C-alpha atoms as a PDB file:
ATOM      1  CA  MET A   1      -1.613 -20.296  -6.212  1.00  0.00           C
ATOM      2  CA  ASP A   2      -0.251 -17.432  -4.146  1.00  0.00           C
ATOM      3  CA  VAL A   3       2.991 -17.526  -2.207  1.00  0.00           C
ATOM      4  CA  PRO A   4       1.570 -18.055   1.303  1.00  0.00           C
ATOM      5  CA  GLU A   5      -0.493 -20.960  -0.031  1.00  0.00           C
ATOM      6  CA  LEU A   6       2.564 -22.465  -1.725  1.00  0.00           C
ATOM      7  CA  VAL A   7       4.657 -22.131   1.414  1.00  0.00           C
ATOM      8  CA  GLU A   8       1.905 -23.859   3.433  1.00  0.00           C
ATOM      9  CA  THR A   9       1.704 -26.633   0.845  1.00  0.00           C
ATOM     10  CA  TRP A  10       5.483 -27.248   0.968  1.00  0.00           C
ATOM     11  CA  GLN A  11       5.418 -27.173   4.769  1.00  0.00           C
ATOM     12  CA  ARG A  12       2.900 -29.985   4.595  1.00  0.00           C
ATOM     13  CA  ILE A  13       4.816 -31.952   1.889  1.00  0.00           C
ATOM     14  CA  ILE A  14       8.299 -31.849   3.395  1.00  0.00           C
ATOM     15  CA  ILE A  15       8.666 -34.435   6.089  1.00  0.00           C
ATOM     16  CA  GLY A  16      11.211 -33.657   8.831  1.00  0.00           C
ATOM     17  CA  ASP A  17      11.461 -30.598  11.061  1.00  0.00           C
ATOM     18  CA  HIS A  18      15.198 -30.319  10.375  1.00  0.00           C
ATOM     19  CA  LYS A  19      15.126 -29.792   6.615  1.00  0.00           C
ATOM     20  CA  SER A  20      15.870 -26.343   5.278  1.00  0.00           C
ATOM     21  CA  TRP A  21      14.457 -25.442   1.908  1.00  0.00           C
ATOM     22  CA  VAL A  22      13.977 -22.634  -0.539  1.00  0.00           C
ATOM     23  CA  LEU A  23      10.870 -21.977  -2.668  1.00  0.00           C
ATOM     24  CA  PHE A  24      10.955 -20.344  -6.107  1.00  0.00           C
ATOM     25  CA  ALA A  25       8.189 -18.307  -7.731  1.00  0.00           C
ATOM     26  CA  ASN A  26       6.683 -21.063  -9.924  1.00  0.00           C
ATOM     27  CA  GLY A  27       6.477 -23.722  -7.222  1.00  0.00           C
ATOM     28  CA  THR A  28       9.869 -25.361  -7.397  1.00  0.00           C
ATOM     29  CA  CYS A  29      11.445 -26.192  -4.044  1.00  0.00           C
ATOM     30  CA  VAL A  30      15.102 -26.945  -3.409  1.00  0.00           C
ATOM     31  CA  ILE A  31      15.683 -28.955  -0.280  1.00  0.00           C
ATOM     32  CA  LEU A  32      19.063 -28.216   1.200  1.00  0.00           C
ATOM     33  CA  MET A  33      20.449 -31.455   2.722  1.00  0.00           C
ATOM     34  CA  GLU A  34      23.664 -29.685   3.784  1.00  0.00           C
ATOM     35  CA  PRO A  35      22.575 -26.081   4.408  1.00  0.00           C
ATOM     36  CA  ALA A  36      25.382 -23.592   4.762  1.00  0.00           C
ATOM     37  CA  GLY A  37      25.717 -19.857   4.543  1.00  0.00           C
ATOM     38  CA  ASP A  38      23.141 -17.951   2.514  1.00  0.00           C
ATOM     39  CA  LEU A  39      20.421 -20.571   1.836  1.00  0.00           C
ATOM     40  CA  ALA A  40      18.810 -18.571  -1.001  1.00  0.00           C
ATOM     41  CA  ALA A  41      22.171 -18.344  -2.786  1.00  0.00           C
ATOM     42  CA  GLN A  42      22.911 -22.048  -2.216  1.00  0.00           C
ATOM     43  CA  ALA A  43      19.508 -23.075  -3.617  1.00  0.00           C
ATOM     44  CA  THR A  44      19.799 -20.648  -6.510  1.00  0.00           C
ATOM     45  CA  GLU A  45      23.102 -22.271  -7.600  1.00  0.00           C
ATOM     46  CA  ILE A  46      21.499 -25.722  -7.438  1.00  0.00           C
ATOM     47  CA  LEU A  47      18.457 -24.610  -9.466  1.00  0.00           C
ATOM     48  CA  ARG A  48      20.609 -22.700 -11.937  1.00  0.00           C
ATOM     49  CA  GLU A  49      22.327 -26.043 -12.766  1.00  0.00           C
ATOM     50  CA  TYR A  50      19.456 -28.519 -12.318  1.00  0.00           C
ATOM     51  CA  GLY A  51      16.353 -26.421 -13.156  1.00  0.00           C
ATOM     52  CA  PRO A  52      16.576 -25.697 -16.886  1.00  0.00           C
ATOM     53  CA  VAL A  53      15.361 -28.425 -19.218  1.00  0.00           C
ATOM     54  CA  HIS A  54      17.650 -29.658 -21.973  1.00  0.00           C
ATOM     55  CA  GLY A  55      15.928 -32.150 -24.264  1.00  0.00           C
ATOM     56  CA  GLY A  56      17.663 -35.463 -24.781  1.00  0.00           C
ATOM     57  CA  THR A  57      19.618 -35.188 -21.504  1.00  0.00           C
ATOM     58  CA  PRO A  58      18.871 -36.244 -17.944  1.00  0.00           C
ATOM     59  CA  ALA A  59      17.558 -32.666 -17.396  1.00  0.00           C
ATOM     60  CA  GLY A  60      14.539 -33.616 -19.528  1.00  0.00           C
ATOM     61  CA  ASP A  61      13.635 -36.660 -17.424  1.00  0.00           C
ATOM     62  CA  PHE A  62      10.951 -36.522 -14.761  1.00  0.00           C
ATOM     63  CA  GLY A  63       8.775 -38.589 -12.493  1.00  0.00           C
ATOM     64  CA  THR A  64       5.633 -37.815 -10.539  1.00  0.00           C
ATOM     65  CA  ILE A  65       4.429 -38.454  -6.989  1.00  0.00           C
ATOM     66  CA  THR A  66       0.741 -38.254  -6.125  1.00  0.00           C
ATOM     67  CA  LEU A  67       0.394 -36.550  -2.765  1.00  0.00           C
ATOM     68  CA  ASP A  68      -1.473 -38.553  -0.146  1.00  0.00           C
ATOM     69  CA  PRO A  69      -3.137 -36.768   1.399  1.00  0.00           C
ATOM     70  CA  GLY A  70      -3.569 -34.527  -1.612  1.00  0.00           C
ATOM     71  CA  PRO A  71      -4.414 -32.551  -3.450  1.00  0.00           C
ATOM     72  CA  GLY A  72      -1.783 -32.328  -6.149  1.00  0.00           C
ATOM     73  CA  TRP A  73       1.471 -33.872  -7.247  1.00  0.00           C
ATOM     74  CA  VAL A  74       5.194 -33.392  -6.886  1.00  0.00           C
ATOM     75  CA  VAL A  75       7.370 -33.659 -10.048  1.00  0.00           C
ATOM     76  CA  TYR A  76      10.992 -34.633  -9.609  1.00  0.00           C
ATOM     77  CA  GLY A  77      13.886 -34.726 -12.058  1.00  0.00           C
ATOM     78  CA  HIS A  78      17.592 -35.476 -12.259  1.00  0.00           C
ATOM     79  CA  HIS A  79      18.361 -33.901  -8.871  1.00  0.00           C
ATOM     80  CA  ASN A  80      16.655 -35.613  -5.947  1.00  0.00           C
ATOM     81  CA  ASP A  81      16.288 -32.410  -3.961  1.00  0.00           C
ATOM     82  CA  VAL A  82      14.709 -30.266  -6.664  1.00  0.00           C
ATOM     83  CA  LEU A  83      10.939 -30.773  -6.641  1.00  0.00           C
ATOM     84  CA  THR A  84       8.035 -28.906  -8.223  1.00  0.00           C
ATOM     85  CA  TYR A  85       4.464 -28.807  -6.939  1.00  0.00           C
ATOM     86  CA  VAL A  86       1.583 -29.076  -9.380  1.00  0.00           C
ATOM     87  CA  ALA A  87      -1.891 -28.219  -8.113  1.00  0.00           C
ATOM     88  CA  PRO A  88      -4.980 -29.866  -9.658  1.00  0.00           C
ATOM     89  CA  GLU A  89      -6.406 -26.510 -10.774  1.00  0.00           C
ATOM     90  CA  GLU A  90      -3.268 -25.898 -12.867  1.00  0.00           C
ATOM     91  CA  LEU A  91      -4.194 -28.701 -15.280  1.00  0.00           C
ATOM     92  CA  SER A  92      -7.139 -28.366 -17.637  1.00  0.00           C
ATOM     93  CA  GLY A  93      -9.344 -31.081 -18.960  1.00  0.00           C
ATOM     94  CA  ASP A  94     -11.881 -33.554 -17.667  1.00  0.00           C
ATOM     95  CA  GLY A  95     -10.950 -36.447 -15.486  1.00  0.00           C
ATOM     96  CA  GLU A  96      -7.669 -37.408 -13.839  1.00  0.00           C
ATOM     97  CA  PRO A  97      -4.608 -36.142 -15.657  1.00  0.00           C
ATOM     98  CA  SER A  98      -1.993 -38.676 -16.745  1.00  0.00           C
ATOM     99  CA  ASP A  99       1.485 -38.853 -15.206  1.00  0.00           C
ATOM    100  CA  LEU A 100       2.797 -37.577 -18.564  1.00  0.00           C
ATOM    101  CA  GLU A 101       0.605 -34.464 -18.410  1.00  0.00           C
ATOM    102  CA  ILE A 102       1.486 -33.807 -14.810  1.00  0.00           C
ATOM    103  CA  GLY A 103       5.169 -34.411 -15.405  1.00  0.00           C
ATOM    104  CA  LEU A 104       5.455 -32.228 -18.498  1.00  0.00           C
ATOM    105  CA  TYR A 105       3.624 -29.384 -16.736  1.00  0.00           C
ATOM    106  CA  GLY A 106       5.827 -29.639 -13.620  1.00  0.00           C
ATOM    107  CA  ARG A 107       8.986 -29.915 -15.702  1.00  0.00           C
ATOM    108  CA  GLY A 108       7.961 -26.731 -17.508  1.00  0.00           C
ATOM    109  CA  LYS A 109       7.490 -24.915 -14.171  1.00  0.00           C
ATOM    110  CA  ARG A 110      10.939 -26.154 -13.038  1.00  0.00           C
ATOM    111  CA  ASP A 111      12.462 -24.908 -16.300  1.00  0.00           C
ATOM    112  CA  GLN A 112      10.869 -21.493 -15.792  1.00  0.00           C
ATOM    113  CA  ASP A 113      12.128 -21.332 -12.216  1.00  0.00           C
ATOM    114  CA  GLY A 114      15.579 -22.447 -13.415  1.00  0.00           C
ATOM    115  CA  HIS A 115      15.781 -19.498 -15.738  1.00  0.00           C
ATOM    116  CA  GLU A 116      14.036 -16.810 -13.588  1.00  0.00           C
ATOM    117  CA  LEU A 117      15.694 -17.918 -10.238  1.00  0.00           C
ATOM    118  CA  ARG A 118      13.252 -15.783  -8.214  1.00  0.00           C
ATOM    119  CA  VAL A 119      13.252 -16.866  -4.574  1.00  0.00           C
ATOM    120  CA  VAL A 120       9.971 -16.251  -2.760  1.00  0.00           C
ATOM    121  CA  HIS A 121      10.568 -18.063   0.568  1.00  0.00           C
ATOM    122  CA  VAL A 122      13.406 -19.462   2.620  1.00  0.00           C
ATOM    123  CA  GLU A 123      12.676 -22.047   5.323  1.00  0.00           C
ATOM    124  CA  ASP A 124      15.755 -22.069   7.561  1.00  0.00           C
ATOM    125  CA  ARG A 125      15.595 -25.081   9.844  1.00  0.00           C
ATOM    126  CA  ARG A 126      19.238 -25.075  10.911  1.00  0.00           C
ATOM    127  CA  ALA A 127      19.769 -25.522  14.637  1.00  0.00           C
ATOM    128  CA  ALA A 128      20.360 -22.182  16.325  1.00  0.00           C
END
């Protein structure tokens, strides 16, 4: 999925015209509930701490949300405002993938974003 498509997907997912957020290269979005200063830097610090996966810790935990309307899923972890989008075409196999498959895939994308920390879009919704 290319960046403009990912941005459009997150604009559809995030409810509320007042929420600022930052998108990373592999589909992880950090919603900034208290945006201040440089939003990319603020989100990068959050993802640096809460993006990488460490087995046996809360950083390895995840849950999934099926998007309605779809398509796809959002995978969340140990920080409520760090979310990763998983598109149906990213998962192989026949039939509907399990929550485990979706979650592991999304967690892997979050881990990659947590290490690379490459911002591809900033949605600044702060009042002017």
